[in-house]
Amino acid sequence: MKLSTLLRHGAIWLAVFVALFPIAWMASMAFKPPLEWTAAAGNITWLPKAPTLANFEYIFFGTSDAYPSSTVMEKTALRPIFASLLVSTIATMIATVVGSLAAYGYSRHGYGKSLPLALVQLRMFPPLAVIIPIMIMWAYLALIDTWWGLSLIYGIVTLPFAFWLMLTFLEEVPIELEEAALIEGASPSRIFYRITLPLVKPALATTALFVFILNWSDYILALMLTRSKWITIPVFMNDLNSAQTGQLYGAKAALGLIAIVPPLILGVLIQKHLVRGLTFGALKQ
């Protein structure tokens, strides 16, 4: 085997190790009892010596025999998980639908060359630079700590990503197909839904997954725009600590492991479309 091939394979395996090691460490931590992950114990191990489901029991029921009685939670992770699922799903639908329609209109009619740049400027500002005006506006509209308020801001924030991704894909669709359908008497809306949209279905799935992950993992907006009813998984995870033991790393790891599941399931469900979407337009005649 050539040296270049060995180096390439070595680099690939190193990249895989770097990418998967945090997940493997989190999975190991999720099944460790508190005595194996607290710094005071002084016996932190790579793998759990006595695997347990105490961390999962704690985040779902608020208490566990393995945890001190002083760490009993009044609120469990059930509602934050539901809130994250609801808000991320609705926001993904908003951003994907609106972004696809906007991208189609721009790719076919081109309403000004500055429109794509104007949309992406929404993401050029640091979140902390715009969160205060958003908080004031949302408070005036009574949208603080509501699922529709959080869904709306997530949809607005991720809209530029959906627009840019769908614009790239839609520009690869031959306009001659639409012109032929137009000559046959099809309306513009029928052309879009019956001809163009099925052709970019893989791209639509890729965009939806990307936007969903952005919404699912957000912390700043959820922290500032929620109080107690509709906090999401990242906000709830930040509150998993105790005055006696400090950060509840086992509970955090268990919740983090659960947080991986929805994006993973979504990726598996759309895997066929995802592979085609990621390579859409890569090969040109």
Protein backbone atom coordinates (compact mmCIF):
# COMPACT_ATOMS: atom_id res chain seq x y z
CA MET A 1 0.00 0.00 0.00
CA LYS A 2 1.32 3.42 -0.93
CA LEU A 3 2.36 5.90 1.73
CA SER A 4 -0.17 8.44 0.45
CA THR A 5 -2.96 5.88 0.80
CA LEU A 6 -1.87 5.04 4.35
CA LEU A 7 -1.78 8.71 5.28
CA ARG A 8 -5.21 9.27 3.76
CA HIS A 9 -6.72 6.32 5.61
CA GLY A 10 -5.02 7.42 8.82
CA ALA A 11 -6.42 10.92 8.46
CA ILE A 12 -9.92 9.52 7.86
CA TRP A 13 -9.78 7.29 10.93
CA LEU A 14 -8.41 10.16 13.02
CA ALA A 15 -11.28 12.39 11.88
CA VAL A 16 -13.79 9.64 12.71
CA PHE A 17 -12.25 9.20 16.17
CA VAL A 18 -12.31 12.94 16.90
CA ALA A 19 -15.94 13.17 15.76
CA LEU A 20 -17.22 10.11 17.64
CA PHE A 21 -15.18 10.28 20.85
CA PRO A 22 -17.37 12.96 22.54
CA ILE A 23 -20.49 10.94 21.72
CA ALA A 24 -18.92 7.74 23.05
CA TRP A 25 -17.82 9.52 26.23
CA MET A 26 -21.32 10.97 26.70
CA ALA A 27 -22.88 7.54 26.22
CA SER A 28 -20.50 6.07 28.80
CA MET A 29 -21.21 8.89 31.25
CA ALA A 30 -24.99 8.46 30.85
CA PHE A 31 -24.85 4.95 32.35
CA LYS A 32 -22.49 5.73 35.24
CA PRO A 33 -23.77 6.14 38.82
CA PRO A 34 -22.96 9.47 40.51
CA LEU A 35 -20.00 8.01 42.40
CA GLU A 36 -18.23 7.32 39.10
CA TRP A 37 -18.56 10.78 37.55
CA THR A 38 -18.26 13.16 40.49
CA ALA A 39 -14.85 14.79 40.83
CA ALA A 40 -14.94 14.35 44.59
CA ALA A 41 -14.95 10.58 44.18
CA GLY A 42 -11.57 10.67 42.47
CA ASN A 43 -12.21 7.46 40.55
CA ILE A 44 -13.49 8.64 37.18
CA THR A 45 -13.36 5.75 34.74
CA TRP A 46 -13.61 5.40 30.96
CA LEU A 47 -16.35 2.78 31.13
CA PRO A 48 -19.01 2.40 33.84
CA LYS A 49 -18.03 -0.18 36.45
CA ALA A 50 -21.62 -0.56 37.60
CA PRO A 51 -23.89 0.42 34.69
CA THR A 52 -27.18 1.94 35.81
CA LEU A 53 -30.26 3.71 34.45
CA ALA A 54 -30.33 6.07 37.44
CA ASN A 55 -29.50 9.11 35.29
CA PHE A 56 -32.41 8.44 32.95
CA GLU A 57 -34.68 7.78 35.92
CA TYR A 58 -33.62 11.09 37.43
CA ILE A 59 -34.35 13.26 34.37
CA PHE A 60 -37.69 11.54 33.67
CA PHE A 61 -39.01 11.26 37.23
CA GLY A 62 -37.07 14.00 39.05
CA THR A 63 -35.54 11.67 41.61
CA SER A 64 -33.51 8.49 41.91
CA ASP A 65 -32.16 6.35 44.72
CA ALA A 66 -28.63 6.97 43.42
CA TYR A 67 -29.00 10.75 43.80
CA PRO A 68 -28.98 12.70 47.07
CA SER A 69 -32.42 13.70 48.34
CA SER A 70 -31.41 17.37 48.05
CA THR A 71 -31.25 17.07 44.25
CA VAL A 72 -34.94 16.19 43.73
CA MET A 73 -36.30 18.19 40.79
CA GLU A 74 -39.73 19.81 40.71
CA LYS A 75 -39.82 19.60 36.89
CA THR A 76 -38.73 16.66 34.80
CA ALA A 77 -37.33 16.56 31.26
CA LEU A 78 -40.62 15.36 29.72
CA ARG A 79 -42.03 18.81 29.03
CA PRO A 80 -38.75 20.29 27.67
CA ILE A 81 -38.45 17.31 25.31
CA PHE A 82 -42.03 17.84 24.12
CA ALA A 83 -41.42 21.59 23.78
CA SER A 84 -38.28 21.04 21.70
CA LEU A 85 -40.08 18.57 19.42
CA LEU A 86 -43.10 20.81 18.93
CA VAL A 87 -41.24 24.07 18.42
CA SER A 88 -38.51 22.61 16.19
CA THR A 89 -41.02 20.80 13.98
CA ILE A 90 -43.29 23.82 13.48
CA ALA A 91 -40.35 26.17 12.90
CA THR A 92 -38.82 23.76 10.39
CA MET A 93 -42.09 23.64 8.48
CA ILE A 94 -42.32 27.44 8.45
CA ALA A 95 -38.74 27.98 7.29
CA THR A 96 -38.82 25.19 4.71
CA VAL A 97 -42.15 26.14 3.15
CA VAL A 98 -41.54 29.88 3.06
CA GLY A 99 -37.90 29.46 2.05
CA SER A 100 -38.80 27.09 -0.80
CA LEU A 101 -41.50 29.42 -2.17
CA ALA A 102 -39.19 32.43 -1.90
CA ALA A 103 -36.31 30.57 -3.52
CA TYR A 104 -38.54 29.38 -6.38
CA GLY A 105 -39.87 32.86 -7.01
CA TYR A 106 -36.40 34.36 -7.02
CA SER A 107 -34.84 31.63 -9.17
CA ARG A 108 -37.54 32.00 -11.83
CA HIS A 109 -38.22 35.73 -11.72
CA GLY A 110 -35.22 37.30 -9.96
CA TYR A 111 -36.76 40.13 -7.96
CA GLY A 112 -33.61 42.18 -7.47
CA LYS A 113 -30.05 40.97 -7.10
CA SER A 114 -29.82 42.20 -3.51
CA LEU A 115 -32.61 39.98 -2.12
CA PRO A 116 -30.42 36.94 -1.26
CA LEU A 117 -27.87 39.17 0.47
CA ALA A 118 -30.63 40.99 2.36
CA LEU A 119 -31.97 37.68 3.65
CA VAL A 120 -28.61 36.30 4.70
CA GLN A 121 -27.94 39.52 6.62
CA LEU A 122 -30.41 38.22 9.19
CA ARG A 123 -27.74 35.70 10.15
CA MET A 124 -24.74 37.99 9.91
CA PHE A 125 -25.51 39.74 13.20
CA PRO A 126 -24.49 38.04 16.45
CA PRO A 127 -27.54 36.73 18.34
CA LEU A 128 -26.77 38.90 21.35
CA ALA A 129 -26.88 42.02 19.14
CA VAL A 130 -30.51 41.46 18.15
CA ILE A 131 -31.96 39.53 21.08
CA ILE A 132 -32.87 42.64 23.10
CA PRO A 133 -35.09 44.19 20.38
CA ILE A 134 -36.65 40.77 19.80
CA MET A 135 -37.38 40.40 23.51
CA ILE A 136 -39.04 43.82 23.61
CA MET A 137 -41.12 43.04 20.54
CA TRP A 138 -42.11 39.57 21.77
CA ALA A 139 -43.04 40.96 25.20
CA TYR A 140 -45.25 43.60 23.55
CA LEU A 141 -46.94 40.90 21.45
CA ALA A 142 -47.33 38.60 24.49
CA LEU A 143 -45.21 35.91 22.82
CA ILE A 144 -42.75 35.36 25.68
CA ASP A 145 -42.78 31.78 26.98
CA THR A 146 -45.22 30.54 24.34
CA TRP A 147 -44.73 27.74 21.85
CA TRP A 148 -46.00 29.83 18.94
CA GLY A 149 -43.68 32.71 19.81
CA LEU A 150 -40.62 30.46 19.94
CA SER A 151 -41.69 28.63 16.78
CA LEU A 152 -42.10 31.91 14.93
CA ILE A 153 -38.69 33.30 15.84
CA TYR A 154 -37.02 29.98 15.03
CA GLY A 155 -38.73 29.96 11.64
CA ILE A 156 -37.60 33.53 10.95
CA VAL A 157 -34.01 32.92 12.05
CA THR A 158 -33.56 29.75 9.98
CA LEU A 159 -35.41 31.09 6.93
CA PRO A 160 -32.22 32.44 5.26
CA PHE A 161 -30.61 28.98 5.42
CA ALA A 162 -33.67 27.35 3.88
CA PHE A 163 -33.81 30.04 1.18
CA TRP A 164 -30.16 29.74 0.18
CA LEU A 165 -30.15 25.93 0.16
CA MET A 166 -33.34 25.66 -1.87
CA LEU A 167 -32.19 28.40 -4.24
CA THR A 168 -29.06 26.42 -5.05
CA PHE A 169 -31.08 23.28 -5.74
CA LEU A 170 -33.88 24.97 -7.70
CA GLU A 171 -31.44 26.64 -10.06
CA GLU A 172 -30.32 23.16 -11.12
CA VAL A 173 -33.82 22.26 -12.38
CA PRO A 174 -34.11 22.90 -16.16
CA ILE A 175 -36.55 25.72 -16.77
CA GLU A 176 -37.47 24.11 -20.10
CA LEU A 177 -39.59 21.56 -18.24
CA GLU A 178 -41.70 24.31 -16.74
CA GLU A 179 -41.97 26.15 -20.05
CA ALA A 180 -43.23 22.99 -21.75
CA ALA A 181 -45.87 22.52 -19.03
CA LEU A 182 -46.84 26.18 -19.34
CA ILE A 183 -47.40 25.75 -23.08
CA GLU A 184 -49.63 22.75 -22.30
CA GLY A 185 -51.82 25.02 -20.21
CA ALA A 186 -50.64 24.25 -16.66
CA SER A 187 -50.89 27.08 -14.16
CA PRO A 188 -47.74 28.35 -12.37
CA SER A 189 -48.87 26.85 -9.06
CA ARG A 190 -49.57 23.47 -10.69
CA ILE A 191 -46.15 23.55 -12.36
CA PHE A 192 -44.47 24.16 -9.04
CA TYR A 193 -46.32 21.48 -7.05
CA ARG A 194 -46.55 18.80 -9.76
CA ILE A 195 -43.27 19.23 -11.66
CA THR A 196 -40.64 21.29 -9.87
CA LEU A 197 -41.24 20.23 -6.27
CA PRO A 198 -41.07 16.45 -6.94
CA LEU A 199 -37.75 16.98 -8.71
CA VAL A 200 -36.22 18.73 -5.70
CA LYS A 201 -37.74 16.42 -3.08
CA PRO A 202 -34.28 15.15 -1.99
CA ALA A 203 -33.08 18.75 -1.65
CA LEU A 204 -36.20 19.58 0.36
CA ALA A 205 -35.48 16.71 2.74
CA THR A 206 -31.87 17.84 3.15
CA THR A 207 -32.94 21.42 3.86
CA ALA A 208 -35.57 20.30 6.38
CA LEU A 209 -33.05 18.16 8.28
CA PHE A 210 -30.47 20.96 8.38
CA VAL A 211 -33.03 23.52 9.59
CA PHE A 212 -34.44 21.08 12.16
CA ILE A 213 -30.99 20.51 13.66
CA LEU A 214 -30.44 24.27 13.92
CA ASN A 215 -33.76 24.75 15.71
CA TRP A 216 -33.31 21.66 17.89
CA SER A 217 -29.91 22.74 19.18
CA ASP A 218 -30.61 26.46 19.78
CA TYR A 219 -29.87 27.78 23.26
CA ILE A 220 -29.71 31.59 23.24
CA LEU A 221 -33.19 32.30 21.84
CA ALA A 222 -34.85 29.68 24.02
CA LEU A 223 -33.04 31.00 27.09
CA MET A 224 -34.11 34.60 26.51
CA LEU A 225 -37.65 34.02 25.22
CA THR A 226 -38.87 31.35 27.65
CA ARG A 227 -39.42 31.33 31.39
CA SER A 228 -40.69 27.99 32.66
CA LYS A 229 -43.55 26.57 30.57
CA TRP A 230 -41.83 26.15 27.23
CA ILE A 231 -38.13 25.81 28.00
CA THR A 232 -36.33 23.51 25.58
CA ILE A 233 -33.80 20.73 26.12
CA PRO A 234 -30.65 22.95 25.99
CA VAL A 235 -32.10 25.34 28.59
CA PHE A 236 -33.25 22.52 30.83
CA MET A 237 -29.86 20.83 30.53
CA ASN A 238 -28.14 24.00 31.72
CA ASP A 239 -30.21 23.86 34.91
CA LEU A 240 -29.10 20.34 35.81
CA ASN A 241 -26.80 21.13 38.71
CA SER A 242 -26.71 20.80 42.47
CA ALA A 243 -25.23 22.82 45.29
CA GLN A 244 -23.71 19.66 46.78
CA THR A 245 -22.33 17.89 43.71
CA GLY A 246 -22.10 20.77 41.23
CA GLN A 247 -22.88 19.89 37.63
CA LEU A 248 -24.94 16.71 37.29
CA TYR A 249 -22.83 15.33 34.47
CA GLY A 250 -24.54 11.95 34.44
CA ALA A 251 -28.00 13.49 34.06
CA LYS A 252 -26.70 15.90 31.42
CA ALA A 253 -25.15 13.02 29.49
CA ALA A 254 -28.37 11.01 29.67
CA LEU A 255 -30.40 13.97 28.38
CA GLY A 256 -27.81 14.63 25.69
CA LEU A 257 -28.06 11.02 24.55
CA ILE A 258 -31.83 11.38 24.31
CA ALA A 259 -31.44 14.66 22.40
CA ILE A 260 -29.50 12.84 19.67
CA VAL A 261 -32.42 10.51 18.93
CA PRO A 262 -34.88 12.78 17.02
CA PRO A 263 -32.35 14.14 14.47
CA LEU A 264 -30.96 10.63 14.08
CA ILE A 265 -34.40 9.14 13.43
CA LEU A 266 -35.22 11.94 10.99
CA GLY A 267 -31.95 11.38 9.17
CA VAL A 268 -32.62 7.64 8.88
CA LEU A 269 -36.17 8.20 7.61
CA ILE A 270 -35.03 10.53 4.84
CA GLN A 271 -31.71 8.79 4.20
CA LYS A 272 -32.57 7.93 0.62
CA HIS A 273 -33.48 11.53 -0.15
CA LEU A 274 -30.63 12.87 1.98
CA VAL A 275 -27.89 11.21 -0.05
CA ARG A 276 -29.38 12.47 -3.30
CA GLY A 277 -29.94 15.91 -1.83
CA LEU A 278 -26.36 16.30 -0.67
CA THR A 279 -25.11 15.44 -4.18
CA PHE A 280 -27.86 17.27 -6.06
CA GLY A 281 -26.33 19.21 -8.94
CA ALA A 282 -22.84 17.90 -8.21
CA LEU A 283 -22.57 16.26 -11.63
CA LYS A 284 -23.25 18.28 -14.73
CA GLN A 285 -23.17 17.20 -18.32
